[in-house]
Full PDB file with SEQRES, HELIX, SHEET, SSBOND, CRYST1, ORIGX, SCALE, CONECT and MASTER records, all heavy atoms in Angstrom:
SEQRES   1 A   42  VAL ALA GLY ASP VAL ALA ARG MET PRO ALA GLU LEU LYS          
SEQRES   2 A   42  ALA ARG ALA PHE ASP ARG VAL ILE ALA ASN PRO PRO TYR          
SEQRES   3 A   42  PHE ASP ARG ARG ARG GLY THR ALA ALA THR LEU ALA GLU          
SEQRES   4 A   42  ARG GLU THR                                                  
HELIX    1 AA1 ALA A   10  LYS A   13  1                                   4    
HELIX    2 AA2 ALA A   38  GLU A   41  1                                   4    
CRYST1    1.000    1.000    1.000  90.00  90.00  90.00 P 1           1          
ORIGX1      1.000000  0.000000  0.000000        0.00000                         
ORIGX2      0.000000  1.000000  0.000000        0.00000                         
ORIGX3      0.000000  0.000000  1.000000        0.00000                         
SCALE1      1.000000  0.000000  0.000000        0.00000                         
SCALE2      0.000000  1.000000  0.000000        0.00000                         
SCALE3      0.000000  0.000000  1.000000        0.00000                         
ATOM      1  N   VAL A   1       1.480  -9.537  -7.616  1.00  0.00           N  
ATOM      2  CA  VAL A   1       2.153 -10.123  -6.461  1.00  0.00           C  
ATOM      3  C   VAL A   1       1.400  -9.715  -5.204  1.00  0.00           C  
ATOM      4  O   VAL A   1       1.102  -8.532  -5.007  1.00  0.00           O  
ATOM      5  CB  VAL A   1       3.614  -9.658  -6.377  1.00  0.00           C  
ATOM      6  CG1 VAL A   1       4.303 -10.252  -5.145  1.00  0.00           C  
ATOM      7  CG2 VAL A   1       4.376 -10.034  -7.647  1.00  0.00           C  
ATOM      8  N   ALA A   2       1.083 -10.681  -4.357  1.00  0.00           N  
ATOM      9  CA  ALA A   2       0.478 -10.388  -3.057  1.00  0.00           C  
ATOM     10  C   ALA A   2       1.601 -10.101  -2.068  1.00  0.00           C  
ATOM     11  O   ALA A   2       2.459 -10.957  -1.829  1.00  0.00           O  
ATOM     12  CB  ALA A   2      -0.370 -11.562  -2.581  1.00  0.00           C  
ATOM     13  N   GLY A   3       1.603  -8.892  -1.520  1.00  0.00           N  
ATOM     14  CA  GLY A   3       2.664  -8.513  -0.595  1.00  0.00           C  
ATOM     15  C   GLY A   3       2.476  -7.092  -0.121  1.00  0.00           C  
ATOM     16  O   GLY A   3       1.567  -6.374  -0.544  1.00  0.00           O  
ATOM     17  N   ASP A   4       3.377  -6.683   0.775  1.00  0.00           N  
ATOM     18  CA  ASP A   4       3.268  -5.409   1.474  1.00  0.00           C  
ATOM     19  C   ASP A   4       4.286  -4.418   0.922  1.00  0.00           C  
ATOM     20  O   ASP A   4       5.458  -4.768   0.723  1.00  0.00           O  
ATOM     21  CB  ASP A   4       3.527  -5.654   2.971  1.00  0.00           C  
ATOM     22  CG  ASP A   4       3.117  -4.482   3.840  1.00  0.00           C  
ATOM     23  OD1 ASP A   4       3.053  -3.350   3.334  1.00  0.00           O  
ATOM     24  OD2 ASP A   4       2.876  -4.709   5.036  1.00  0.00           O  
ATOM     25  N   VAL A   5       3.845  -3.180   0.692  1.00  0.00           N  
ATOM     26  CA  VAL A   5       4.750  -2.126   0.246  1.00  0.00           C  
ATOM     27  C   VAL A   5       5.893  -1.943   1.245  1.00  0.00           C  
ATOM     28  O   VAL A   5       7.039  -1.664   0.859  1.00  0.00           O  
ATOM     29  CB  VAL A   5       3.973  -0.803   0.062  1.00  0.00           C  
ATOM     30  CG1 VAL A   5       4.922   0.362  -0.195  1.00  0.00           C  
ATOM     31  CG2 VAL A   5       2.977  -0.927  -1.087  1.00  0.00           C  
ATOM     32  N   ALA A   6       5.597  -2.095   2.535  1.00  0.00           N  
ATOM     33  CA  ALA A   6       6.615  -1.904   3.569  1.00  0.00           C  
ATOM     34  C   ALA A   6       7.641  -3.024   3.594  1.00  0.00           C  
ATOM     35  O   ALA A   6       8.745  -2.841   4.122  1.00  0.00           O  
ATOM     36  CB  ALA A   6       5.946  -1.784   4.937  1.00  0.00           C  
ATOM     37  N   ARG A   7       7.303  -4.179   3.060  1.00  0.00           N  
ATOM     38  CA  ARG A   7       8.217  -5.320   2.992  1.00  0.00           C  
ATOM     39  C   ARG A   7       8.189  -5.844   1.559  1.00  0.00           C  
ATOM     40  O   ARG A   7       7.582  -6.879   1.266  1.00  0.00           O  
ATOM     41  CB  ARG A   7       7.810  -6.404   3.999  1.00  0.00           C  
ATOM     42  CG  ARG A   7       7.955  -5.953   5.446  1.00  0.00           C  
ATOM     43  CD  ARG A   7       7.517  -7.020   6.430  1.00  0.00           C  
ATOM     44  NE  ARG A   7       6.071  -7.239   6.380  1.00  0.00           N  
ATOM     45  CZ  ARG A   7       5.188  -6.493   7.035  1.00  0.00           C  
ATOM     46  NH1 ARG A   7       5.595  -5.474   7.776  1.00  0.00           N  
ATOM     47  NH2 ARG A   7       3.899  -6.740   6.955  1.00  0.00           N  
ATOM     48  N   MET A   8       8.844  -5.121   0.692  1.00  0.00           N  
ATOM     49  CA  MET A   8       8.784  -5.387  -0.741  1.00  0.00           C  
ATOM     50  C   MET A   8       9.184  -6.828  -1.051  1.00  0.00           C  
ATOM     51  O   MET A   8      10.259  -7.284  -0.650  1.00  0.00           O  
ATOM     52  CB  MET A   8       9.719  -4.423  -1.477  1.00  0.00           C  
ATOM     53  CG  MET A   8       9.628  -4.469  -2.987  1.00  0.00           C  
ATOM     54  SD  MET A   8       8.037  -3.888  -3.655  1.00  0.00           S  
ATOM     55  CE  MET A   8       7.981  -2.201  -3.027  1.00  0.00           C  
ATOM     56  N   PRO A   9       8.329  -7.579  -1.732  1.00  0.00           N  
ATOM     57  CA  PRO A   9       8.673  -8.966  -2.092  1.00  0.00           C  
ATOM     58  C   PRO A   9       9.954  -9.030  -2.921  1.00  0.00           C  
ATOM     59  O   PRO A   9      10.225  -8.141  -3.733  1.00  0.00           O  
ATOM     60  CB  PRO A   9       7.458  -9.417  -2.906  1.00  0.00           C  
ATOM     61  CG  PRO A   9       6.340  -8.548  -2.419  1.00  0.00           C  
ATOM     62  CD  PRO A   9       6.963  -7.221  -2.129  1.00  0.00           C  
ATOM     63  N   ALA A  10      10.723 -10.078  -2.708  1.00  0.00           N  
ATOM     64  CA  ALA A  10      12.032 -10.208  -3.353  1.00  0.00           C  
ATOM     65  C   ALA A  10      11.925 -10.154  -4.870  1.00  0.00           C  
ATOM     66  O   ALA A  10      12.795  -9.589  -5.546  1.00  0.00           O  
ATOM     67  CB  ALA A  10      12.695 -11.510  -2.911  1.00  0.00           C  
ATOM     68  N   GLU A  11      10.868 -10.730  -5.430  1.00  0.00           N  
ATOM     69  CA  GLU A  11      10.744 -10.769  -6.884  1.00  0.00           C  
ATOM     70  C   GLU A  11      10.549  -9.381  -7.494  1.00  0.00           C  
ATOM     71  O   GLU A  11      10.896  -9.158  -8.656  1.00  0.00           O  
ATOM     72  CB  GLU A  11       9.600 -11.694  -7.300  1.00  0.00           C  
ATOM     73  CG  GLU A  11       8.255 -11.308  -6.726  1.00  0.00           C  
ATOM     74  CD  GLU A  11       7.256 -12.440  -6.817  1.00  0.00           C  
ATOM     75  OE1 GLU A  11       6.845 -12.777  -7.948  1.00  0.00           O  
ATOM     76  OE2 GLU A  11       6.894 -12.994  -5.769  1.00  0.00           O  
ATOM     77  N   LEU A  12      10.011  -8.436  -6.723  1.00  0.00           N  
ATOM     78  CA  LEU A  12       9.903  -7.050  -7.179  1.00  0.00           C  
ATOM     79  C   LEU A  12      11.113  -6.232  -6.768  1.00  0.00           C  
ATOM     80  O   LEU A  12      11.554  -5.338  -7.502  1.00  0.00           O  
ATOM     81  CB  LEU A  12       8.628  -6.409  -6.628  1.00  0.00           C  
ATOM     82  CG  LEU A  12       7.317  -7.042  -7.090  1.00  0.00           C  
ATOM     83  CD1 LEU A  12       6.132  -6.352  -6.420  1.00  0.00           C  
ATOM     84  CD2 LEU A  12       7.175  -6.970  -8.612  1.00  0.00           C  
ATOM     85  N   LYS A  13      11.654  -6.539  -5.598  1.00  0.00           N  
ATOM     86  CA  LYS A  13      12.824  -5.810  -5.102  1.00  0.00           C  
ATOM     87  C   LYS A  13      14.025  -5.990  -6.023  1.00  0.00           C  
ATOM     88  O   LYS A  13      14.916  -5.133  -6.089  1.00  0.00           O  
ATOM     89  CB  LYS A  13      13.158  -6.301  -3.694  1.00  0.00           C  
ATOM     90  CG  LYS A  13      14.008  -5.351  -2.882  1.00  0.00           C  
ATOM     91  CD  LYS A  13      14.098  -5.825  -1.449  1.00  0.00           C  
ATOM     92  CE  LYS A  13      14.874  -4.836  -0.603  1.00  0.00           C  
ATOM     93  NZ  LYS A  13      14.933  -5.265   0.818  1.00  0.00           N  
ATOM     94  N   ALA A  14      14.071  -7.090  -6.744  1.00  0.00           N  
ATOM     95  CA  ALA A  14      15.191  -7.369  -7.633  1.00  0.00           C  
ATOM     96  C   ALA A  14      15.084  -6.627  -8.963  1.00  0.00           C  
ATOM     97  O   ALA A  14      16.025  -6.676  -9.766  1.00  0.00           O  
ATOM     98  CB  ALA A  14      15.276  -8.877  -7.902  1.00  0.00           C  
ATOM     99  N   ARG A  15      13.970  -5.952  -9.196  1.00  0.00           N  
ATOM    100  CA  ARG A  15      13.743  -5.311 -10.493  1.00  0.00           C  
ATOM    101  C   ARG A  15      13.722  -3.788 -10.388  1.00  0.00           C  
ATOM    102  O   ARG A  15      13.519  -3.218  -9.318  1.00  0.00           O  
ATOM    103  CB  ARG A  15      12.403  -5.769 -11.076  1.00  0.00           C  
ATOM    104  CG  ARG A  15      12.320  -7.239 -11.414  1.00  0.00           C  
ATOM    105  CD  ARG A  15      11.046  -7.529 -12.191  1.00  0.00           C  
ATOM    106  NE  ARG A  15      10.985  -6.755 -13.433  1.00  0.00           N  
ATOM    107  CZ  ARG A  15       9.921  -6.718 -14.241  1.00  0.00           C  
ATOM    108  NH1 ARG A  15       8.840  -7.416 -13.922  1.00  0.00           N  
ATOM    109  NH2 ARG A  15       9.938  -5.999 -15.339  1.00  0.00           N  
ATOM    110  N   ALA A  16      13.931  -3.137 -11.523  1.00  0.00           N  
ATOM    111  CA  ALA A  16      13.737  -1.691 -11.648  1.00  0.00           C  
ATOM    112  C   ALA A  16      12.729  -1.468 -12.767  1.00  0.00           C  
ATOM    113  O   ALA A  16      12.746  -2.167 -13.785  1.00  0.00           O  
ATOM    114  CB  ALA A  16      15.056  -0.992 -11.970  1.00  0.00           C  
ATOM    115  N   PHE A  17      11.835  -0.492 -12.586  1.00  0.00           N  
ATOM    116  CA  PHE A  17      10.716  -0.280 -13.504  1.00  0.00           C  
ATOM    117  C   PHE A  17      10.798   1.106 -14.139  1.00  0.00           C  
ATOM    118  O   PHE A  17      11.265   2.065 -13.532  1.00  0.00           O  
ATOM    119  CB  PHE A  17       9.393  -0.428 -12.749  1.00  0.00           C  
ATOM    120  CG  PHE A  17       9.163  -1.798 -12.191  1.00  0.00           C  
ATOM    121  CD1 PHE A  17       9.656  -2.147 -10.936  1.00  0.00           C  
ATOM    122  CD2 PHE A  17       8.485  -2.764 -12.919  1.00  0.00           C  
ATOM    123  CE1 PHE A  17       9.466  -3.418 -10.420  1.00  0.00           C  
ATOM    124  CE2 PHE A  17       8.287  -4.037 -12.418  1.00  0.00           C  
ATOM    125  CZ  PHE A  17       8.785  -4.368 -11.158  1.00  0.00           C  
ATOM    126  N   ASP A  18      10.308   1.186 -15.377  1.00  0.00           N  
ATOM    127  CA  ASP A  18      10.272   2.476 -16.070  1.00  0.00           C  
ATOM    128  C   ASP A  18       9.225   3.409 -15.489  1.00  0.00           C  
ATOM    129  O   ASP A  18       9.425   4.629 -15.433  1.00  0.00           O  
ATOM    130  CB  ASP A  18       9.976   2.255 -17.566  1.00  0.00           C  
ATOM    131  CG  ASP A  18      11.019   1.397 -18.240  1.00  0.00           C  
ATOM    132  OD1 ASP A  18      12.205   1.781 -18.222  1.00  0.00           O  
ATOM    133  OD2 ASP A  18      10.650   0.331 -18.773  1.00  0.00           O  
ATOM    134  N   ARG A  19       8.111   2.847 -15.074  1.00  0.00           N  
ATOM    135  CA  ARG A  19       7.015   3.647 -14.534  1.00  0.00           C  
ATOM    136  C   ARG A  19       6.485   2.976 -13.262  1.00  0.00           C  
ATOM    137  O   ARG A  19       6.171   1.782 -13.279  1.00  0.00           O  
ATOM    138  CB  ARG A  19       5.858   3.757 -15.551  1.00  0.00           C  
ATOM    139  CG  ARG A  19       6.270   4.316 -16.910  1.00  0.00           C  
ATOM    140  CD  ARG A  19       6.530   5.810 -16.839  1.00  0.00           C  
ATOM    141  NE  ARG A  19       6.944   6.351 -18.124  1.00  0.00           N  
ATOM    142  CZ  ARG A  19       8.190   6.680 -18.440  1.00  0.00           C  
ATOM    143  NH1 ARG A  19       9.155   6.486 -17.553  1.00  0.00           N  
ATOM    144  NH2 ARG A  19       8.486   7.174 -19.612  1.00  0.00           N  
ATOM    145  N   VAL A  20       6.392   3.735 -12.198  1.00  0.00           N  
ATOM    146  CA  VAL A  20       5.745   3.274 -10.977  1.00  0.00           C  
ATOM    147  C   VAL A  20       4.572   4.195 -10.703  1.00  0.00           C  
ATOM    148  O   VAL A  20       4.693   5.431 -10.830  1.00  0.00           O  
ATOM    149  CB  VAL A  20       6.712   3.269  -9.775  1.00  0.00           C  
ATOM    150  CG1 VAL A  20       5.977   2.891  -8.489  1.00  0.00           C  
ATOM    151  CG2 VAL A  20       7.869   2.302 -10.027  1.00  0.00           C  
ATOM    152  N   ILE A  21       3.430   3.626 -10.366  1.00  0.00           N  
ATOM    153  CA  ILE A  21       2.240   4.405 -10.066  1.00  0.00           C  
ATOM    154  C   ILE A  21       1.705   3.989  -8.703  1.00  0.00           C  
ATOM    155  O   ILE A  21       1.925   2.863  -8.262  1.00  0.00           O  
ATOM    156  CB  ILE A  21       1.151   4.253 -11.150  1.00  0.00           C  
ATOM    157  CG1 ILE A  21       0.673   2.800 -11.255  1.00  0.00           C  
ATOM    158  CG2 ILE A  21       1.668   4.742 -12.495  1.00  0.00           C  
ATOM    159  CD1 ILE A  21      -0.469   2.594 -12.255  1.00  0.00           C  
ATOM    160  N   ALA A  22       1.014   4.916  -8.044  1.00  0.00           N  
ATOM    161  CA  ALA A  22       0.472   4.600  -6.722  1.00  0.00           C  
ATOM    162  C   ALA A  22      -0.718   5.498  -6.418  1.00  0.00           C  
ATOM    163  O   ALA A  22      -0.724   6.680  -6.753  1.00  0.00           O  
ATOM    164  CB  ALA A  22       1.539   4.764  -5.638  1.00  0.00           C  
ATOM    165  N   ASN A  23      -1.703   4.889  -5.790  1.00  0.00           N  
ATOM    166  CA  ASN A  23      -2.879   5.583  -5.262  1.00  0.00           C  
ATOM    167  C   ASN A  23      -2.936   5.244  -3.762  1.00  0.00           C  
ATOM    168  O   ASN A  23      -3.767   4.450  -3.332  1.00  0.00           O  
ATOM    169  CB  ASN A  23      -4.124   5.083  -6.009  1.00  0.00           C  
ATOM    170  CG  ASN A  23      -5.393   5.758  -5.563  1.00  0.00           C  
ATOM    171  OD1 ASN A  23      -5.380   6.735  -4.822  1.00  0.00           O  
ATOM    172  ND2 ASN A  23      -6.534   5.228  -5.998  1.00  0.00           N  
ATOM    173  N   PRO A  24      -2.005   5.825  -2.971  1.00  0.00           N  
ATOM    174  CA  PRO A  24      -1.913   5.433  -1.553  1.00  0.00           C  
ATOM    175  C   PRO A  24      -3.183   5.789  -0.790  1.00  0.00           C  
ATOM    176  O   PRO A  24      -3.972   6.644  -1.222  1.00  0.00           O  
ATOM    177  CB  PRO A  24      -0.729   6.265  -1.033  1.00  0.00           C  
ATOM    178  CG  PRO A  24       0.010   6.715  -2.254  1.00  0.00           C  
ATOM    179  CD  PRO A  24      -1.026   6.844  -3.319  1.00  0.00           C  
ATOM    180  N   PRO A  25      -3.405   5.140   0.356  1.00  0.00           N  
ATOM    181  CA  PRO A  25      -4.564   5.510   1.181  1.00  0.00           C  
ATOM    182  C   PRO A  25      -4.633   7.013   1.412  1.00  0.00           C  
ATOM    183  O   PRO A  25      -3.615   7.650   1.701  1.00  0.00           O  
ATOM    184  CB  PRO A  25      -4.309   4.747   2.483  1.00  0.00           C  
ATOM    185  CG  PRO A  25      -3.532   3.542   2.053  1.00  0.00           C  
ATOM    186  CD  PRO A  25      -2.638   4.021   0.950  1.00  0.00           C  
ATOM    187  N   TYR A  26      -5.833   7.555   1.270  1.00  0.00           N  
ATOM    188  CA  TYR A  26      -5.994   9.010   1.317  1.00  0.00           C  
ATOM    189  C   TYR A  26      -5.958   9.594   2.721  1.00  0.00           C  
ATOM    190  O   TYR A  26      -5.672  10.773   2.899  1.00  0.00           O  
ATOM    191  CB  TYR A  26      -7.327   9.394   0.671  1.00  0.00           C  
ATOM    192  CG  TYR A  26      -7.315   9.389  -0.844  1.00  0.00           C  
ATOM    193  CD1 TYR A  26      -8.497   9.541  -1.564  1.00  0.00           C  
ATOM    194  CD2 TYR A  26      -6.135   9.230  -1.564  1.00  0.00           C  
ATOM    195  CE1 TYR A  26      -8.506   9.548  -2.942  1.00  0.00           C  
ATOM    196  CE2 TYR A  26      -6.130   9.229  -2.941  1.00  0.00           C  
ATOM    197  CZ  TYR A  26      -7.313   9.394  -3.629  1.00  0.00           C  
ATOM    198  OH  TYR A  26      -7.319   9.403  -4.999  1.00  0.00           O  
ATOM    199  N   PHE A  27      -6.278   8.794   3.730  1.00  0.00           N  
ATOM    200  CA  PHE A  27      -6.502   9.353   5.052  1.00  0.00           C  
ATOM    201  C   PHE A  27      -5.375   8.987   6.012  1.00  0.00           C  
ATOM    202  O   PHE A  27      -4.958   7.830   6.088  1.00  0.00           O  
ATOM    203  CB  PHE A  27      -7.849   8.887   5.610  1.00  0.00           C  
ATOM    204  CG  PHE A  27      -9.001   9.305   4.749  1.00  0.00           C  
ATOM    205  CD1 PHE A  27      -9.594   8.406   3.876  1.00  0.00           C  
ATOM    206  CD2 PHE A  27      -9.474  10.611   4.787  1.00  0.00           C  
ATOM    207  CE1 PHE A  27     -10.646   8.789   3.060  1.00  0.00           C  
ATOM    208  CE2 PHE A  27     -10.518  11.001   3.974  1.00  0.00           C  
ATOM    209  CZ  PHE A  27     -11.116  10.092   3.109  1.00  0.00           C  
ATOM    210  N   ASP A  28      -4.898   9.992   6.721  1.00  0.00           N  
ATOM    211  CA  ASP A  28      -3.907   9.812   7.774  1.00  0.00           C  
ATOM    212  C   ASP A  28      -4.667   9.442   9.040  1.00  0.00           C  
ATOM    213  O   ASP A  28      -5.384  10.260   9.605  1.00  0.00           O  
ATOM    214  CB  ASP A  28      -3.126  11.116   7.964  1.00  0.00           C  
ATOM    215  CG  ASP A  28      -2.045  11.004   9.028  1.00  0.00           C  
ATOM    216  OD1 ASP A  28      -2.019   9.982   9.742  1.00  0.00           O  
ATOM    217  OD2 ASP A  28      -1.252  11.950   9.152  1.00  0.00           O  
ATOM    218  N   ARG A  29      -4.516   8.190   9.493  1.00  0.00           N  
ATOM    219  CA  ARG A  29      -5.316   7.732  10.629  1.00  0.00           C  
ATOM    220  C   ARG A  29      -4.803   8.228  11.972  1.00  0.00           C  
ATOM    221  O   ARG A  29      -5.366   7.883  13.010  1.00  0.00           O  
ATOM    222  CB  ARG A  29      -5.398   6.202  10.619  1.00  0.00           C  
ATOM    223  CG  ARG A  29      -6.312   5.683   9.519  1.00  0.00           C  
ATOM    224  CD  ARG A  29      -7.647   6.389   9.500  1.00  0.00           C  
ATOM    225  NE  ARG A  29      -8.571   5.796   8.530  1.00  0.00           N  
ATOM    226  CZ  ARG A  29      -9.559   6.451   7.960  1.00  0.00           C  
ATOM    227  NH1 ARG A  29      -9.745   7.740   8.248  1.00  0.00           N  
ATOM    228  NH2 ARG A  29     -10.376   5.858   7.119  1.00  0.00           N  
ATOM    229  N   ARG A  30      -3.763   9.064  11.954  1.00  0.00           N  
ATOM    230  CA  ARG A  30      -3.442   9.791  13.174  1.00  0.00           C  
ATOM    231  C   ARG A  30      -4.490  10.866  13.423  1.00  0.00           C  
ATOM    232  O   ARG A  30      -4.614  11.410  14.505  1.00  0.00           O  
ATOM    233  CB  ARG A  30      -2.054  10.426  13.068  1.00  0.00           C  
ATOM    234  CG  ARG A  30      -0.916   9.414  13.045  1.00  0.00           C  
ATOM    235  CD  ARG A  30       0.394  10.062  12.708  1.00  0.00           C  
ATOM    236  NE  ARG A  30       0.377  10.615  11.340  1.00  0.00           N  
ATOM    237  CZ  ARG A  30       1.429  11.197  10.769  1.00  0.00           C  
ATOM    238  NH1 ARG A  30       2.572  11.287  11.428  1.00  0.00           N  
ATOM    239  NH2 ARG A  30       1.351  11.661   9.529  1.00  0.00           N  
ATOM    240  N   ARG A  31      -5.234  11.171  12.354  1.00  0.00           N  
ATOM    241  CA  ARG A  31      -6.353  12.106  12.430  1.00  0.00           C  
ATOM    242  C   ARG A  31      -7.534  11.458  11.714  1.00  0.00           C  
ATOM    243  O   ARG A  31      -7.399  10.945  10.619  1.00  0.00           O  
ATOM    244  CB  ARG A  31      -6.011  13.441  11.749  1.00  0.00           C  
ATOM    245  CG  ARG A  31      -4.769  14.105  12.297  1.00  0.00           C  
ATOM    246  CD  ARG A  31      -4.508  15.441  11.619  1.00  0.00           C  
ATOM    247  NE  ARG A  31      -4.123  15.278  10.221  1.00  0.00           N  
ATOM    248  CZ  ARG A  31      -2.876  15.094   9.820  1.00  0.00           C  
ATOM    249  NH1 ARG A  31      -1.890  15.038  10.701  1.00  0.00           N  
ATOM    250  NH2 ARG A  31      -2.576  14.950   8.539  1.00  0.00           N  
ATOM    251  N   GLY A  32      -8.703  11.461  12.296  1.00  0.00           N  
ATOM    252  CA  GLY A  32      -9.880  10.902  11.646  1.00  0.00           C  
ATOM    253  C   GLY A  32     -10.250   9.539  12.196  1.00  0.00           C  
ATOM    254  O   GLY A  32      -9.568   8.960  13.038  1.00  0.00           O  
ATOM    255  N   THR A  33     -11.361   9.026  11.669  1.00  0.00           N  
ATOM    256  CA  THR A  33     -11.957   7.784  12.165  1.00  0.00           C  
ATOM    257  C   THR A  33     -11.835   6.687  11.126  1.00  0.00           C  
ATOM    258  O   THR A  33     -12.070   6.918   9.940  1.00  0.00           O  
ATOM    259  CB  THR A  33     -13.443   8.013  12.506  1.00  0.00           C  
ATOM    260  OG1 THR A  33     -13.532   9.090  13.448  1.00  0.00           O  
ATOM    261  CG2 THR A  33     -14.059   6.758  13.098  1.00  0.00           C  
ATOM    262  N   ALA A  34     -11.480   5.502  11.561  1.00  0.00           N  
ATOM    263  CA  ALA A  34     -11.304   4.377  10.647  1.00  0.00           C  
ATOM    264  C   ALA A  34     -12.643   3.905  10.105  1.00  0.00           C  
ATOM    265  O   ALA A  34     -13.678   4.012  10.759  1.00  0.00           O  
ATOM    266  CB  ALA A  34     -10.601   3.227  11.363  1.00  0.00           C  
ATOM    267  N   ALA A  35     -12.614   3.347   8.882  1.00  0.00           N  
ATOM    268  CA  ALA A  35     -13.793   2.721   8.301  1.00  0.00           C  
ATOM    269  C   ALA A  35     -14.113   1.441   9.072  1.00  0.00           C  
ATOM    270  O   ALA A  35     -13.224   0.782   9.606  1.00  0.00           O  
ATOM    271  CB  ALA A  35     -13.552   2.401   6.829  1.00  0.00           C  
ATOM    272  N   THR A  36     -15.395   1.097   9.134  1.00  0.00           N  
ATOM    273  CA  THR A  36     -15.799  -0.082   9.915  1.00  0.00           C  
ATOM    274  C   THR A  36     -15.445  -1.390   9.225  1.00  0.00           C  
ATOM    275  O   THR A  36     -15.168  -2.392   9.882  1.00  0.00           O  
ATOM    276  CB  THR A  36     -17.317  -0.048  10.181  1.00  0.00           C  
ATOM    277  OG1 THR A  36     -18.010   0.079   8.933  1.00  0.00           O  
ATOM    278  CG2 THR A  36     -17.675   1.147  11.062  1.00  0.00           C  
ATOM    279  N   LEU A  37     -15.423  -1.422   7.899  1.00  0.00           N  
ATOM    280  CA  LEU A  37     -15.101  -2.635   7.161  1.00  0.00           C  
ATOM    281  C   LEU A  37     -13.590  -2.699   6.945  1.00  0.00           C  
ATOM    282  O   LEU A  37     -12.997  -1.779   6.376  1.00  0.00           O  
ATOM    283  CB  LEU A  37     -15.838  -2.643   5.821  1.00  0.00           C  
ATOM    284  CG  LEU A  37     -15.864  -3.962   5.065  1.00  0.00           C  
ATOM    285  CD1 LEU A  37     -16.625  -5.027   5.842  1.00  0.00           C  
ATOM    286  CD2 LEU A  37     -16.505  -3.773   3.688  1.00  0.00           C  
ATOM    287  N   ALA A  38     -12.964  -3.779   7.398  1.00  0.00           N  
ATOM    288  CA  ALA A  38     -11.502  -3.872   7.390  1.00  0.00           C  
ATOM    289  C   ALA A  38     -10.916  -3.718   5.996  1.00  0.00           C  
ATOM    290  O   ALA A  38      -9.890  -3.045   5.809  1.00  0.00           O  
ATOM    291  CB  ALA A  38     -11.074  -5.200   8.003  1.00  0.00           C  
ATOM    292  N   GLU A  39     -11.527  -4.348   4.985  1.00  0.00           N  
ATOM    293  CA  GLU A  39     -10.998  -4.277   3.630  1.00  0.00           C  
ATOM    294  C   GLU A  39     -11.009  -2.846   3.103  1.00  0.00           C  
ATOM    295  O   GLU A  39     -10.090  -2.416   2.409  1.00  0.00           O  
ATOM    296  CB  GLU A  39     -11.810  -5.178   2.693  1.00  0.00           C  
ATOM    297  CG  GLU A  39     -11.704  -6.664   3.019  1.00  0.00           C  
ATOM    298  CD  GLU A  39     -12.747  -7.112   4.031  1.00  0.00           C  
ATOM    299  OE1 GLU A  39     -13.343  -6.242   4.701  1.00  0.00           O  
ATOM    300  OE2 GLU A  39     -12.952  -8.331   4.146  1.00  0.00           O  
ATOM    301  N   ARG A  40     -12.060  -2.115   3.437  1.00  0.00           N  
ATOM    302  CA  ARG A  40     -12.151  -0.722   2.997  1.00  0.00           C  
ATOM    303  C   ARG A  40     -11.138   0.146   3.742  1.00  0.00           C  
ATOM    304  O   ARG A  40     -10.505   1.023   3.155  1.00  0.00           O  
ATOM    305  CB  ARG A  40     -13.575  -0.214   3.234  1.00  0.00           C  
ATOM    306  CG  ARG A  40     -13.813   1.211   2.779  1.00  0.00           C  
ATOM    307  CD  ARG A  40     -15.291   1.569   2.889  1.00  0.00           C  
ATOM    308  NE  ARG A  40     -15.533   2.964   2.601  1.00  0.00           N  
ATOM    309  CZ  ARG A  40     -15.620   3.485   1.378  1.00  0.00           C  
ATOM    310  NH1 ARG A  40     -15.486   2.705   0.330  1.00  0.00           N  
ATOM    311  NH2 ARG A  40     -15.848   4.762   1.197  1.00  0.00           N  
ATOM    312  N   GLU A  41     -10.950  -0.107   5.027  1.00  0.00           N  
ATOM    313  CA  GLU A  41     -10.004   0.664   5.822  1.00  0.00           C  
ATOM    314  C   GLU A  41      -8.578   0.483   5.323  1.00  0.00           C  
ATOM    315  O   GLU A  41      -7.798   1.449   5.263  1.00  0.00           O  
ATOM    316  CB  GLU A  41     -10.109   0.272   7.296  1.00  0.00           C  
ATOM    317  CG  GLU A  41      -9.068   0.915   8.202  1.00  0.00           C  
ATOM    318  CD  GLU A  41      -9.100   2.436   8.174  1.00  0.00           C  
ATOM    319  OE1 GLU A  41     -10.135   3.025   7.785  1.00  0.00           O  
ATOM    320  OE2 GLU A  41      -8.070   3.047   8.530  1.00  0.00           O  
ATOM    321  N   THR A  42      -8.223  -0.730   4.930  1.00  0.00           N  
ATOM    322  CA  THR A  42      -6.877  -0.969   4.413  1.00  0.00           C  
ATOM    323  C   THR A  42      -6.609  -0.125   3.184  1.00  0.00           C  
ATOM    324  O   THR A  42      -5.509   0.406   2.996  1.00  0.00           O  
ATOM    325  CB  THR A  42      -6.691  -2.460   4.077  1.00  0.00           C  
ATOM    326  OG1 THR A  42      -6.855  -3.222   5.270  1.00  0.00           O  
ATOM    327  CG2 THR A  42      -5.309  -2.736   3.506  1.00  0.00           C  
TER     328      THR A  42                                                      
MASTER        0    0    0    2    0    0    0    6  327    1    0    4          
END                                                                             
């Protein structure tokens, strides 16, 4: 599903899962410098 974790798509919000996994962005951009390529920065 193409969508945002912050605005969970309805088709996923309606479900409960046995296993959830995540590899969230490693860097807190309140500290540090953003990557120059937008796709990599996301």
